[in-house]
Amino acid sequence: MSQVVRQAQIALTLIGVSGIALSFVPFTYDQVAIDALVLESILNELWLLVAPCVLLPVAVSTSCATWLTMGHLPRWMVILNFALAALAMCSILAGFGGSGVTEAEIIAMILLFVIGFASVTWLSLRGFATRTGIHSVVAMQGVYAVLMSFWVAFAQEDFQIGAWLGIVTLLAYTAQIAMAAKNRWWVMAVVVPMAAIMSLMTMTRQFW
């Protein structure tokens, strides 16, 4: 990793910490994520959608810091990251399944997950990603990006600091995903379509 890329990754990792901070500030309508996580019933759909927002940024920031310090992630951390990404995806699907989201949004979300799964699989075949374990971080960032795009869409009528921090985190994660690929064609084939679908769903939600 060149010095320029390393400095960029350090900067993006620091920016990504905003994903942790948003858990403790109002997101929309004075609702704070950590409060919802603690106070809501574990069977409530809101809990299922809030938990990944709170937990994934912690895992991503910790993994990125470890990667930048050690040059790779320990095997146990790679396994844990993939497990968290899978659990978060299941939690999101279960939460949105009972929260009044339209069929079109469910289809878009599943499509995004499929694209993300294909992306992680492709990265797993590349020596750099597998050797460093960074593909496990991309998996978590991809799941977080899908969920945060929907939360931002829901918050459009009352944007508060948490929503803005979510957007900043989303942009930082997207940049890190693109940098992990080291291939501009991969960025055009994966990151751009994901961003387009999420943007379309966000704009559609605005007019409901």
N, C-alpha and C. Protein backbone atom coordinates (compact mmCIF):
# COMPACT_ATOMS: atom_id res chain seq x y z
N MET A 1 0.84 -1.19 0.00
CA MET A 1 0.00 0.00 0.00
C MET A 1 0.88 1.25 0.00
N SER A 2 0.66 2.12 -0.97
CA SER A 2 1.47 3.33 -1.06
C SER A 2 1.15 4.29 0.07
N GLN A 3 2.03 5.25 0.28
CA GLN A 3 1.85 6.21 1.36
C GLN A 3 0.60 7.04 1.15
N VAL A 4 0.32 7.40 -0.09
CA VAL A 4 -0.87 8.21 -0.39
C VAL A 4 -2.14 7.43 -0.07
N VAL A 5 -2.18 6.17 -0.49
CA VAL A 5 -3.35 5.33 -0.23
C VAL A 5 -3.52 5.12 1.27
N ARG A 6 -2.41 4.91 1.96
CA ARG A 6 -2.47 4.71 3.41
C ARG A 6 -3.03 5.95 4.11
N GLN A 7 -2.56 7.11 3.70
CA GLN A 7 -3.06 8.35 4.31
C GLN A 7 -4.54 8.54 4.02
N ALA A 8 -4.95 8.20 2.79
CA ALA A 8 -6.37 8.30 2.43
C ALA A 8 -7.21 7.34 3.27
N GLN A 9 -6.70 6.12 3.47
CA GLN A 9 -7.43 5.13 4.28
C GLN A 9 -7.52 5.58 5.74
N ILE A 10 -6.46 6.18 6.24
CA ILE A 10 -6.49 6.69 7.61
C ILE A 10 -7.55 7.78 7.74
N ALA A 11 -7.56 8.70 6.77
CA ALA A 11 -8.54 9.78 6.80
C ALA A 11 -9.97 9.24 6.72
N LEU A 12 -10.20 8.28 5.83
CA LEU A 12 -11.54 7.71 5.68
C LEU A 12 -11.95 6.92 6.92
N THR A 13 -10.99 6.26 7.55
CA THR A 13 -11.29 5.53 8.79
C THR A 13 -11.71 6.49 9.89
N LEU A 14 -11.01 7.61 10.00
CA LEU A 14 -11.37 8.62 11.00
C LEU A 14 -12.74 9.22 10.71
N ILE A 15 -13.01 9.48 9.44
CA ILE A 15 -14.32 10.00 9.06
C ILE A 15 -15.41 8.97 9.37
N GLY A 16 -15.08 7.69 9.14
CA GLY A 16 -16.04 6.63 9.38
C GLY A 16 -16.45 6.49 10.84
N VAL A 17 -15.65 7.04 11.75
CA VAL A 17 -16.00 7.01 13.18
C VAL A 17 -17.30 7.78 13.43
N SER A 18 -17.66 8.66 12.51
CA SER A 18 -18.93 9.39 12.64
C SER A 18 -20.11 8.42 12.70
N GLY A 19 -19.92 7.21 12.14
CA GLY A 19 -20.97 6.20 12.21
C GLY A 19 -21.23 5.76 13.64
N ILE A 20 -20.18 5.78 14.47
CA ILE A 20 -20.35 5.46 15.89
C ILE A 20 -21.02 6.62 16.61
N ALA A 21 -20.61 7.83 16.27
CA ALA A 21 -21.14 9.02 16.94
C ALA A 21 -22.64 9.19 16.71
N LEU A 22 -23.12 8.81 15.50
CA LEU A 22 -24.54 9.05 15.20
C LEU A 22 -25.47 8.23 16.09
N SER A 23 -24.93 7.20 16.74
CA SER A 23 -25.76 6.39 17.64
C SER A 23 -26.17 7.14 18.89
N PHE A 24 -25.48 8.25 19.18
CA PHE A 24 -25.70 8.96 20.43
C PHE A 24 -26.30 10.35 20.25
N VAL A 25 -26.67 10.69 19.03
CA VAL A 25 -27.27 12.01 18.76
C VAL A 25 -28.60 11.82 18.03
N PRO A 26 -29.48 12.82 18.06
CA PRO A 26 -30.78 12.70 17.38
C PRO A 26 -30.60 12.47 15.88
N PHE A 27 -31.34 11.51 15.37
CA PHE A 27 -31.29 11.18 13.94
C PHE A 27 -32.43 11.85 13.19
N THR A 28 -33.63 11.66 13.68
CA THR A 28 -34.81 12.31 13.11
C THR A 28 -35.91 12.32 14.16
N TYR A 29 -36.68 13.41 14.20
CA TYR A 29 -37.74 13.56 15.19
C TYR A 29 -37.24 13.32 16.61
N ASP A 30 -36.02 13.78 16.88
CA ASP A 30 -35.40 13.69 18.20
C ASP A 30 -35.20 12.26 18.68
N GLN A 31 -35.20 11.31 17.77
CA GLN A 31 -34.97 9.91 18.12
C GLN A 31 -33.47 9.60 18.08
N VAL A 32 -32.98 8.97 19.14
CA VAL A 32 -31.58 8.61 19.25
C VAL A 32 -31.46 7.10 19.12
N ALA A 33 -30.54 6.66 18.26
CA ALA A 33 -30.43 5.23 17.94
C ALA A 33 -30.17 4.37 19.17
N ILE A 34 -29.24 4.79 20.01
CA ILE A 34 -28.88 3.97 21.17
C ILE A 34 -30.05 3.83 22.12
N ASP A 35 -30.90 4.86 22.21
CA ASP A 35 -32.09 4.78 23.07
C ASP A 35 -33.06 3.75 22.52
N ALA A 36 -33.25 3.78 21.20
CA ALA A 36 -34.16 2.81 20.58
C ALA A 36 -33.64 1.39 20.77
N LEU A 37 -32.33 1.22 20.70
CA LEU A 37 -31.74 -0.10 20.84
C LEU A 37 -31.95 -0.64 22.26
N VAL A 38 -31.87 0.25 23.25
CA VAL A 38 -31.98 -0.16 24.65
C VAL A 38 -33.44 -0.31 25.07
N LEU A 39 -34.30 0.61 24.59
CA LEU A 39 -35.67 0.67 25.09
C LEU A 39 -36.66 -0.18 24.32
N GLU A 40 -36.40 -0.38 23.01
CA GLU A 40 -37.36 -1.12 22.20
C GLU A 40 -37.32 -2.62 22.51
N SER A 41 -38.48 -3.24 22.35
CA SER A 41 -38.56 -4.69 22.52
C SER A 41 -37.72 -5.38 21.46
N ILE A 42 -37.10 -6.49 21.83
CA ILE A 42 -36.26 -7.21 20.88
C ILE A 42 -37.09 -7.79 19.73
N LEU A 43 -38.40 -7.87 19.91
CA LEU A 43 -39.27 -8.39 18.86
C LEU A 43 -39.82 -7.28 17.97
N ASN A 44 -39.50 -6.06 18.30
CA ASN A 44 -39.99 -4.92 17.53
C ASN A 44 -39.13 -4.73 16.28
N GLU A 45 -39.81 -4.41 15.15
CA GLU A 45 -39.08 -4.25 13.89
C GLU A 45 -38.03 -3.14 13.99
N LEU A 46 -38.33 -2.10 14.75
CA LEU A 46 -37.40 -0.97 14.87
C LEU A 46 -36.07 -1.43 15.46
N TRP A 47 -36.14 -2.31 16.45
CA TRP A 47 -34.92 -2.82 17.08
C TRP A 47 -34.06 -3.54 16.05
N LEU A 48 -34.70 -4.31 15.17
CA LEU A 48 -33.97 -5.07 14.17
C LEU A 48 -33.26 -4.15 13.17
N LEU A 49 -33.81 -2.96 12.95
CA LEU A 49 -33.23 -2.03 11.99
C LEU A 49 -32.20 -1.09 12.63
N VAL A 50 -32.32 -0.91 13.93
CA VAL A 50 -31.40 -0.01 14.63
C VAL A 50 -30.10 -0.72 15.03
N ALA A 51 -30.22 -1.97 15.45
CA ALA A 51 -29.05 -2.71 15.94
C ALA A 51 -27.87 -2.70 14.97
N PRO A 52 -28.08 -2.99 13.67
CA PRO A 52 -26.94 -2.94 12.73
C PRO A 52 -26.31 -1.57 12.62
N CYS A 53 -27.14 -0.52 12.73
CA CYS A 53 -26.61 0.85 12.64
C CYS A 53 -25.67 1.16 13.80
N VAL A 54 -25.95 0.57 14.95
CA VAL A 54 -25.15 0.82 16.14
C VAL A 54 -23.90 -0.05 16.16
N LEU A 55 -24.05 -1.32 15.80
CA LEU A 55 -22.96 -2.28 15.96
C LEU A 55 -21.96 -2.31 14.81
N LEU A 56 -22.44 -2.18 13.57
CA LEU A 56 -21.54 -2.32 12.42
C LEU A 56 -20.44 -1.26 12.38
N PRO A 57 -20.75 0.05 12.63
CA PRO A 57 -19.66 1.04 12.60
C PRO A 57 -18.55 0.76 13.61
N VAL A 58 -18.92 0.19 14.76
CA VAL A 58 -17.91 -0.15 15.76
C VAL A 58 -16.98 -1.23 15.22
N ALA A 59 -17.57 -2.25 14.61
CA ALA A 59 -16.78 -3.34 14.04
C ALA A 59 -15.93 -2.86 12.86
N VAL A 60 -16.50 -2.00 12.02
CA VAL A 60 -15.77 -1.49 10.86
C VAL A 60 -14.57 -0.64 11.31
N SER A 61 -14.80 0.28 12.23
CA SER A 61 -13.72 1.15 12.70
C SER A 61 -12.62 0.36 13.37
N THR A 62 -13.01 -0.62 14.19
CA THR A 62 -12.02 -1.46 14.86
C THR A 62 -11.20 -2.26 13.85
N SER A 63 -11.88 -2.81 12.85
CA SER A 63 -11.19 -3.61 11.84
C SER A 63 -10.25 -2.75 10.99
N CYS A 64 -10.72 -1.57 10.60
CA CYS A 64 -9.88 -0.68 9.79
C CYS A 64 -8.64 -0.25 10.57
N ALA A 65 -8.81 0.07 11.85
CA ALA A 65 -7.67 0.46 12.67
C ALA A 65 -6.68 -0.69 12.81
N THR A 66 -7.20 -1.91 12.96
CA THR A 66 -6.33 -3.09 13.06
C THR A 66 -5.59 -3.32 11.76
N TRP A 67 -6.30 -3.19 10.66
CA TRP A 67 -5.69 -3.39 9.34
C TRP A 67 -4.58 -2.37 9.08
N LEU A 68 -4.84 -1.11 9.42
CA LEU A 68 -3.84 -0.06 9.19
C LEU A 68 -2.63 -0.23 10.12
N THR A 69 -2.85 -0.81 11.28
CA THR A 69 -1.76 -1.00 12.25
C THR A 69 -0.93 -2.24 11.94
N MET A 70 -1.63 -3.35 11.65
CA MET A 70 -0.95 -4.63 11.48
C MET A 70 -0.70 -5.00 10.01
N GLY A 71 -1.44 -4.35 9.11
CA GLY A 71 -1.30 -4.69 7.70
C GLY A 71 -2.22 -5.81 7.25
N HIS A 72 -2.90 -6.44 8.20
CA HIS A 72 -3.85 -7.51 7.90
C HIS A 72 -4.76 -7.70 9.10
N LEU A 73 -5.83 -8.45 8.90
CA LEU A 73 -6.74 -8.76 9.99
C LEU A 73 -6.52 -10.20 10.45
N PRO A 74 -6.56 -10.44 11.76
CA PRO A 74 -6.47 -11.83 12.25
C PRO A 74 -7.63 -12.66 11.70
N ARG A 75 -7.41 -13.94 11.57
CA ARG A 75 -8.44 -14.82 11.00
C ARG A 75 -9.74 -14.76 11.81
N TRP A 76 -9.61 -14.71 13.15
CA TRP A 76 -10.82 -14.68 13.98
C TRP A 76 -11.63 -13.42 13.72
N MET A 77 -10.95 -12.32 13.44
CA MET A 77 -11.66 -11.07 13.17
C MET A 77 -12.36 -11.12 11.82
N VAL A 78 -11.72 -11.75 10.83
CA VAL A 78 -12.34 -11.90 9.51
C VAL A 78 -13.62 -12.72 9.63
N ILE A 79 -13.54 -13.82 10.37
CA ILE A 79 -14.73 -14.68 10.57
C ILE A 79 -15.81 -13.92 11.30
N LEU A 80 -15.43 -13.18 12.34
CA LEU A 80 -16.40 -12.40 13.11
C LEU A 80 -17.05 -11.33 12.24
N ASN A 81 -16.27 -10.67 11.40
CA ASN A 81 -16.81 -9.64 10.52
C ASN A 81 -17.85 -10.21 9.56
N PHE A 82 -17.54 -11.35 8.95
CA PHE A 82 -18.49 -11.97 8.04
C PHE A 82 -19.75 -12.40 8.78
N ALA A 83 -19.58 -12.90 10.00
CA ALA A 83 -20.74 -13.31 10.80
C ALA A 83 -21.63 -12.10 11.13
N LEU A 84 -20.99 -10.98 11.50
CA LEU A 84 -21.75 -9.76 11.79
C LEU A 84 -22.49 -9.26 10.56
N ALA A 85 -21.82 -9.30 9.39
CA ALA A 85 -22.46 -8.86 8.15
C ALA A 85 -23.67 -9.72 7.83
N ALA A 86 -23.53 -11.04 8.00
CA ALA A 86 -24.63 -11.95 7.72
C ALA A 86 -25.79 -11.74 8.69
N LEU A 87 -25.48 -11.60 9.98
CA LEU A 87 -26.52 -11.36 10.98
C LEU A 87 -27.23 -10.04 10.74
N ALA A 88 -26.45 -9.02 10.38
CA ALA A 88 -27.03 -7.71 10.11
C ALA A 88 -27.96 -7.77 8.90
N MET A 89 -27.55 -8.50 7.87
CA MET A 89 -28.40 -8.63 6.68
C MET A 89 -29.72 -9.33 7.03
N CYS A 90 -29.65 -10.39 7.82
CA CYS A 90 -30.86 -11.10 8.24
C CYS A 90 -31.74 -10.19 9.10
N SER A 91 -31.11 -9.42 9.98
CA SER A 91 -31.86 -8.51 10.84
C SER A 91 -32.58 -7.45 10.02
N ILE A 92 -31.90 -6.92 9.00
CA ILE A 92 -32.50 -5.89 8.14
C ILE A 92 -33.67 -6.46 7.36
N LEU A 93 -33.50 -7.64 6.77
CA LEU A 93 -34.58 -8.25 6.00
C LEU A 93 -35.79 -8.53 6.88
N ALA A 94 -35.54 -9.02 8.11
CA ALA A 94 -36.63 -9.30 9.03
C ALA A 94 -37.32 -8.01 9.47
N GLY A 95 -36.52 -6.98 9.73
CA GLY A 95 -37.08 -5.71 10.18
C GLY A 95 -37.91 -5.03 9.11
N PHE A 96 -37.41 -4.99 7.89
CA PHE A 96 -38.14 -4.35 6.80
C PHE A 96 -39.35 -5.17 6.39
N GLY A 97 -39.30 -6.48 6.62
CA GLY A 97 -40.43 -7.32 6.25
C GLY A 97 -41.69 -7.00 7.02
N GLY A 98 -41.54 -6.40 8.20
CA GLY A 98 -42.73 -6.09 9.00
C GLY A 98 -42.88 -4.62 9.30
N SER A 99 -42.24 -3.75 8.53
CA SER A 99 -42.27 -2.32 8.86
C SER A 99 -42.99 -1.47 7.83
N GLY A 100 -43.76 -2.07 6.97
CA GLY A 100 -44.55 -1.29 6.02
C GLY A 100 -43.79 -0.81 4.81
N VAL A 101 -42.62 -1.37 4.57
CA VAL A 101 -41.85 -1.00 3.38
C VAL A 101 -42.49 -1.65 2.16
N THR A 102 -42.48 -0.93 1.05
CA THR A 102 -43.13 -1.44 -0.16
C THR A 102 -42.36 -2.61 -0.77
N GLU A 103 -43.06 -3.35 -1.63
CA GLU A 103 -42.42 -4.48 -2.31
C GLU A 103 -41.26 -4.02 -3.18
N ALA A 104 -41.42 -2.85 -3.79
CA ALA A 104 -40.35 -2.32 -4.65
C ALA A 104 -39.08 -2.08 -3.84
N GLU A 105 -39.24 -1.58 -2.61
CA GLU A 105 -38.07 -1.33 -1.76
C GLU A 105 -37.43 -2.64 -1.31
N ILE A 106 -38.27 -3.61 -1.01
CA ILE A 106 -37.74 -4.92 -0.62
C ILE A 106 -36.94 -5.53 -1.77
N ILE A 107 -37.47 -5.44 -2.99
CA ILE A 107 -36.78 -5.97 -4.16
C ILE A 107 -35.46 -5.25 -4.38
N ALA A 108 -35.50 -3.91 -4.25
CA ALA A 108 -34.27 -3.12 -4.42
C ALA A 108 -33.23 -3.49 -3.38
N MET A 109 -33.70 -3.70 -2.14
CA MET A 109 -32.77 -4.06 -1.07
C MET A 109 -32.14 -5.43 -1.32
N ILE A 110 -32.96 -6.40 -1.75
CA ILE A 110 -32.43 -7.73 -2.05
C ILE A 110 -31.43 -7.65 -3.20
N LEU A 111 -31.75 -6.83 -4.21
CA LEU A 111 -30.84 -6.65 -5.34
C LEU A 111 -29.51 -6.09 -4.89
N LEU A 112 -29.56 -5.13 -3.97
CA LEU A 112 -28.33 -4.55 -3.45
C LEU A 112 -27.50 -5.59 -2.70
N PHE A 113 -28.18 -6.42 -1.93
CA PHE A 113 -27.47 -7.47 -1.20
C PHE A 113 -26.83 -8.47 -2.16
N VAL A 114 -27.54 -8.78 -3.25
CA VAL A 114 -26.99 -9.70 -4.24
C VAL A 114 -25.73 -9.11 -4.88
N ILE A 115 -25.81 -7.83 -5.24
CA ILE A 115 -24.66 -7.15 -5.82
C ILE A 115 -23.50 -7.13 -4.82
N GLY A 116 -23.83 -6.85 -3.56
CA GLY A 116 -22.80 -6.83 -2.53
C GLY A 116 -22.16 -8.19 -2.33
N PHE A 117 -22.99 -9.25 -2.33
CA PHE A 117 -22.45 -10.61 -2.17
C PHE A 117 -21.52 -10.96 -3.32
N ALA A 118 -21.93 -10.61 -4.53
CA ALA A 118 -21.09 -10.87 -5.70
C ALA A 118 -19.78 -10.10 -5.60
N SER A 119 -19.86 -8.89 -5.08
CA SER A 119 -18.66 -8.06 -4.95
C SER A 119 -17.67 -8.66 -3.97
N VAL A 120 -18.18 -9.09 -2.82
CA VAL A 120 -17.32 -9.68 -1.81
C VAL A 120 -16.71 -10.99 -2.32
N THR A 121 -17.52 -11.76 -3.05
CA THR A 121 -17.01 -13.00 -3.64
C THR A 121 -15.87 -12.71 -4.61
N TRP A 122 -16.06 -11.67 -5.44
CA TRP A 122 -15.01 -11.30 -6.40
C TRP A 122 -13.76 -10.84 -5.67
N LEU A 123 -13.93 -10.05 -4.61
CA LEU A 123 -12.77 -9.59 -3.85
C LEU A 123 -12.06 -10.76 -3.18
N SER A 124 -12.84 -11.78 -2.79
CA SER A 124 -12.24 -12.93 -2.12
C SER A 124 -11.31 -13.70 -3.03
N LEU A 125 -11.50 -13.54 -4.33
CA LEU A 125 -10.66 -14.23 -5.29
C LEU A 125 -9.36 -13.47 -5.58
N ARG A 126 -9.28 -12.26 -5.06
CA ARG A 126 -8.09 -11.44 -5.28
C ARG A 126 -7.12 -11.62 -4.11
N GLY A 127 -5.85 -11.76 -4.41
CA GLY A 127 -4.86 -12.03 -3.38
C GLY A 127 -4.80 -10.97 -2.30
N PHE A 128 -4.84 -9.68 -2.71
CA PHE A 128 -4.70 -8.60 -1.73
C PHE A 128 -5.82 -8.64 -0.71
N ALA A 129 -7.08 -8.74 -1.19
CA ALA A 129 -8.22 -8.71 -0.29
C ALA A 129 -8.21 -9.90 0.67
N THR A 130 -7.91 -11.08 0.14
CA THR A 130 -7.91 -12.28 0.97
C THR A 130 -6.75 -12.26 1.96
N ARG A 131 -5.59 -11.81 1.50
CA ARG A 131 -4.40 -11.79 2.34
C ARG A 131 -4.55 -10.82 3.51
N THR A 132 -5.19 -9.69 3.28
CA THR A 132 -5.33 -8.68 4.32
C THR A 132 -6.62 -8.83 5.12
N GLY A 133 -7.60 -9.53 4.57
CA GLY A 133 -8.88 -9.68 5.25
C GLY A 133 -9.81 -8.50 5.04
N ILE A 134 -9.44 -7.58 4.16
CA ILE A 134 -10.22 -6.37 3.97
C ILE A 134 -11.58 -6.67 3.34
N HIS A 135 -11.71 -7.82 2.67
CA HIS A 135 -12.99 -8.16 2.05
C HIS A 135 -14.08 -8.36 3.11
N SER A 136 -13.68 -8.74 4.33
CA SER A 136 -14.67 -8.89 5.40
C SER A 136 -15.20 -7.54 5.86
N VAL A 137 -14.35 -6.52 5.79
CA VAL A 137 -14.78 -5.16 6.14
C VAL A 137 -15.72 -4.62 5.06
N VAL A 138 -15.40 -4.89 3.81
CA VAL A 138 -16.26 -4.47 2.70
C VAL A 138 -17.65 -5.08 2.85
N ALA A 139 -17.72 -6.31 3.32
CA ALA A 139 -19.01 -6.96 3.52
C ALA A 139 -19.86 -6.18 4.52
N MET A 140 -19.25 -5.79 5.64
CA MET A 140 -19.99 -5.02 6.65
C MET A 140 -20.37 -3.64 6.13
N GLN A 141 -19.44 -3.00 5.43
CA GLN A 141 -19.72 -1.66 4.90
C GLN A 141 -20.84 -1.69 3.88
N GLY A 142 -20.88 -2.73 3.06
CA GLY A 142 -21.94 -2.84 2.06
C GLY A 142 -23.31 -2.99 2.70
N VAL A 143 -23.41 -3.83 3.73
CA VAL A 143 -24.68 -4.01 4.44
C VAL A 143 -25.10 -2.70 5.11
N TYR A 144 -24.14 -2.03 5.73
CA TYR A 144 -24.43 -0.75 6.38
C TYR A 144 -24.91 0.29 5.38
N ALA A 145 -24.29 0.32 4.21
CA ALA A 145 -24.65 1.30 3.19
C ALA A 145 -26.09 1.12 2.74
N VAL A 146 -26.51 -0.14 2.57
CA VAL A 146 -27.89 -0.40 2.17
C VAL A 146 -28.86 0.10 3.24
N LEU A 147 -28.59 -0.26 4.50
CA LEU A 147 -29.50 0.14 5.57
C LEU A 147 -29.52 1.65 5.75
N MET A 148 -28.36 2.29 5.74
CA MET A 148 -28.32 3.73 5.99
C MET A 148 -29.02 4.51 4.89
N SER A 149 -28.98 4.01 3.65
CA SER A 149 -29.67 4.71 2.56
C SER A 149 -31.17 4.76 2.83
N PHE A 150 -31.71 3.69 3.40
CA PHE A 150 -33.13 3.68 3.73
C PHE A 150 -33.43 4.56 4.94
N TRP A 151 -32.56 4.55 5.94
CA TRP A 151 -32.78 5.42 7.10
C TRP A 151 -32.74 6.89 6.70
N VAL A 152 -31.81 7.23 5.81
CA VAL A 152 -31.73 8.62 5.34
C VAL A 152 -33.01 8.98 4.58
N ALA A 153 -33.54 8.03 3.81
CA ALA A 153 -34.77 8.27 3.07
C ALA A 153 -35.93 8.54 4.03
N PHE A 154 -36.01 7.76 5.10
CA PHE A 154 -37.08 7.94 6.08
C PHE A 154 -36.93 9.26 6.84
N ALA A 155 -35.72 9.76 6.97
CA ALA A 155 -35.48 10.96 7.77
C ALA A 155 -35.58 12.25 6.98
N GLN A 156 -35.95 12.18 5.72
CA GLN A 156 -35.89 13.37 4.86
C GLN A 156 -36.74 14.53 5.36
N GLU A 157 -37.85 14.23 6.01
CA GLU A 157 -38.72 15.32 6.46
C GLU A 157 -38.17 16.04 7.69
N ASP A 158 -37.26 15.43 8.41
CA ASP A 158 -36.72 16.05 9.61
C ASP A 158 -35.27 15.60 9.82
N PHE A 159 -34.38 16.13 8.98
CA PHE A 159 -32.96 15.79 9.08
C PHE A 159 -32.37 16.42 10.33
N GLN A 160 -31.75 15.56 11.16
CA GLN A 160 -31.02 16.07 12.31
C GLN A 160 -29.56 15.61 12.20
N ILE A 161 -28.74 15.96 13.19
CA ILE A 161 -27.31 15.74 13.06
C ILE A 161 -26.97 14.27 12.82
N GLY A 162 -27.73 13.36 13.41
CA GLY A 162 -27.47 11.94 13.20
C GLY A 162 -27.60 11.53 11.75
N ALA A 163 -28.60 12.08 11.06
CA ALA A 163 -28.80 11.77 9.65
C ALA A 163 -27.64 12.28 8.81
N TRP A 164 -27.16 13.47 9.13
CA TRP A 164 -26.02 14.01 8.39
C TRP A 164 -24.76 13.18 8.65
N LEU A 165 -24.57 12.73 9.88
CA LEU A 165 -23.43 11.87 10.18
C LEU A 165 -23.56 10.54 9.43
N GLY A 166 -24.80 10.07 9.27
CA GLY A 166 -25.02 8.85 8.51
C GLY A 166 -24.60 8.99 7.06
N ILE A 167 -24.89 10.15 6.47
CA ILE A 167 -24.51 10.41 5.09
C ILE A 167 -22.98 10.47 4.97
N VAL A 168 -22.33 11.14 5.92
CA VAL A 168 -20.87 11.24 5.91
C VAL A 168 -20.25 9.85 6.01
N THR A 169 -20.79 9.03 6.91
CA THR A 169 -20.29 7.66 7.06
C THR A 169 -20.50 6.85 5.79
N LEU A 170 -21.67 7.02 5.19
CA LEU A 170 -22.00 6.31 3.95
C LEU A 170 -21.01 6.66 2.84
N LEU A 171 -20.67 7.92 2.72
CA LEU A 171 -19.72 8.36 1.69
C LEU A 171 -18.31 7.81 1.97
N ALA A 172 -17.91 7.82 3.25
CA ALA A 172 -16.59 7.31 3.62
C ALA A 172 -16.49 5.82 3.32
N TYR A 173 -17.54 5.08 3.66
CA TYR A 173 -17.54 3.64 3.40
C TYR A 173 -17.52 3.34 1.91
N THR A 174 -18.28 4.12 1.14
CA THR A 174 -18.31 3.92 -0.31
C THR A 174 -16.92 4.13 -0.91
N ALA A 175 -16.22 5.16 -0.43
CA ALA A 175 -14.86 5.43 -0.92
C ALA A 175 -13.92 4.29 -0.56
N GLN A 176 -14.06 3.75 0.66
CA GLN A 176 -13.18 2.65 1.07
C GLN A 176 -13.47 1.37 0.27
N ILE A 177 -14.75 1.14 -0.02
CA ILE A 177 -15.11 -0.03 -0.83
C ILE A 177 -14.47 0.09 -2.21
N ALA A 178 -14.55 1.30 -2.78
CA ALA A 178 -13.98 1.52 -4.11
C ALA A 178 -12.45 1.34 -4.09
N MET A 179 -11.81 1.83 -3.03
CA MET A 179 -10.36 1.72 -2.94
C MET A 179 -9.91 0.28 -2.72
N ALA A 180 -10.74 -0.51 -2.05
CA ALA A 180 -10.38 -1.91 -1.78
C ALA A 180 -10.29 -2.71 -3.06
N ALA A 181 -11.06 -2.33 -4.07
CA ALA A 181 -11.09 -3.09 -5.32
C ALA A 181 -9.83 -2.90 -6.14
N LYS A 182 -9.25 -1.71 -6.10
CA LYS A 182 -8.07 -1.38 -6.90
C LYS A 182 -8.34 -1.60 -8.39
N ASN A 183 -9.56 -1.35 -8.79
CA ASN A 183 -9.93 -1.61 -10.19
C ASN A 183 -11.08 -0.68 -10.56
N ARG A 184 -10.85 0.24 -11.50
CA ARG A 184 -11.88 1.21 -11.84
C ARG A 184 -13.09 0.57 -12.51
N TRP A 185 -12.87 -0.55 -13.22
CA TRP A 185 -14.00 -1.21 -13.88
C TRP A 185 -14.91 -1.85 -12.84
N TRP A 186 -14.32 -2.37 -11.77
CA TRP A 186 -15.12 -2.94 -10.69
C TRP A 186 -15.95 -1.84 -10.04
N VAL A 187 -15.37 -0.67 -9.86
CA VAL A 187 -16.10 0.45 -9.27
C VAL A 187 -17.30 0.82 -10.14
N MET A 188 -17.07 0.88 -11.45
CA MET A 188 -18.15 1.24 -12.36
C MET A 188 -19.24 0.17 -12.40
N ALA A 189 -18.84 -1.10 -12.25
CA ALA A 189 -19.79 -2.19 -12.37
C ALA A 189 -20.54 -2.48 -11.07
N VAL A 190 -19.99 -2.08 -9.95
CA VAL A 190 -20.59 -2.43 -8.66
C VAL A 190 -20.98 -1.20 -7.84
N VAL A 191 -20.00 -0.36 -7.52
CA VAL A 191 -20.27 0.77 -6.64
C VAL A 191 -21.26 1.75 -7.27
N VAL A 192 -21.08 2.06 -8.54
CA VAL A 192 -21.97 3.01 -9.21
C VAL A 192 -23.42 2.51 -9.26
N PRO A 193 -23.67 1.25 -9.67
CA PRO A 193 -25.05 0.76 -9.65
C PRO A 193 -25.66 0.74 -8.25
N MET A 194 -24.87 0.37 -7.24
CA MET A 194 -25.38 0.38 -5.87
C MET A 194 -25.77 1.79 -5.46
N ALA A 195 -24.91 2.75 -5.75
CA ALA A 195 -25.20 4.13 -5.40
C ALA A 195 -26.43 4.64 -6.15
N ALA A 196 -26.57 4.24 -7.42
CA ALA A 196 -27.71 4.68 -8.22
C ALA A 196 -29.01 4.12 -7.67
N ILE A 197 -29.01 2.84 -7.30
CA ILE A 197 -30.23 2.22 -6.76
C ILE A 197 -30.62 2.86 -5.44
N MET A 198 -29.63 3.07 -4.56
CA MET A 198 -29.92 3.68 -3.27
C MET A 198 -30.41 5.12 -3.43
N SER A 199 -29.81 5.85 -4.36
CA SER A 199 -30.25 7.23 -4.60
C SER A 199 -31.67 7.26 -5.15
N LEU A 200 -31.98 6.33 -6.06
CA LEU A 200 -33.32 6.27 -6.64
C LEU A 200 -34.36 5.97 -5.57
N MET A 201 -34.07 5.01 -4.69
CA MET A 201 -35.01 4.68 -3.63
C MET A 201 -35.18 5.85 -2.66
N THR A 202 -34.09 6.58 -2.41
CA THR A 202 -34.17 7.74 -1.52
C THR A 202 -35.04 8.83 -2.12
N MET A 203 -34.85 9.11 -3.41
CA MET A 203 -35.65 10.14 -4.07
C MET A 203 -37.12 9.73 -4.19
N THR A 204 -37.36 8.44 -4.40
CA THR A 204 -38.72 7.94 -4.49
C THR A 204 -39.43 8.12 -3.16
N ARG A 205 -38.75 7.79 -2.07
CA ARG A 205 -39.32 7.93 -0.73
C ARG A 205 -39.70 9.37 -0.45
N GLN A 206 -38.98 10.32 -1.01
CA GLN A 206 -39.22 11.74 -0.74
C GLN A 206 -40.60 12.17 -1.19
N PHE A 207 -41.16 11.53 -2.21
CA PHE A 207 -42.42 11.98 -2.75
C PHE A 207 -43.61 11.19 -2.23
N TRP A 208 -43.41 10.31 -1.25
CA TRP A 208 -44.51 9.55 -0.70
C TRP A 208 -45.27 10.39 0.31
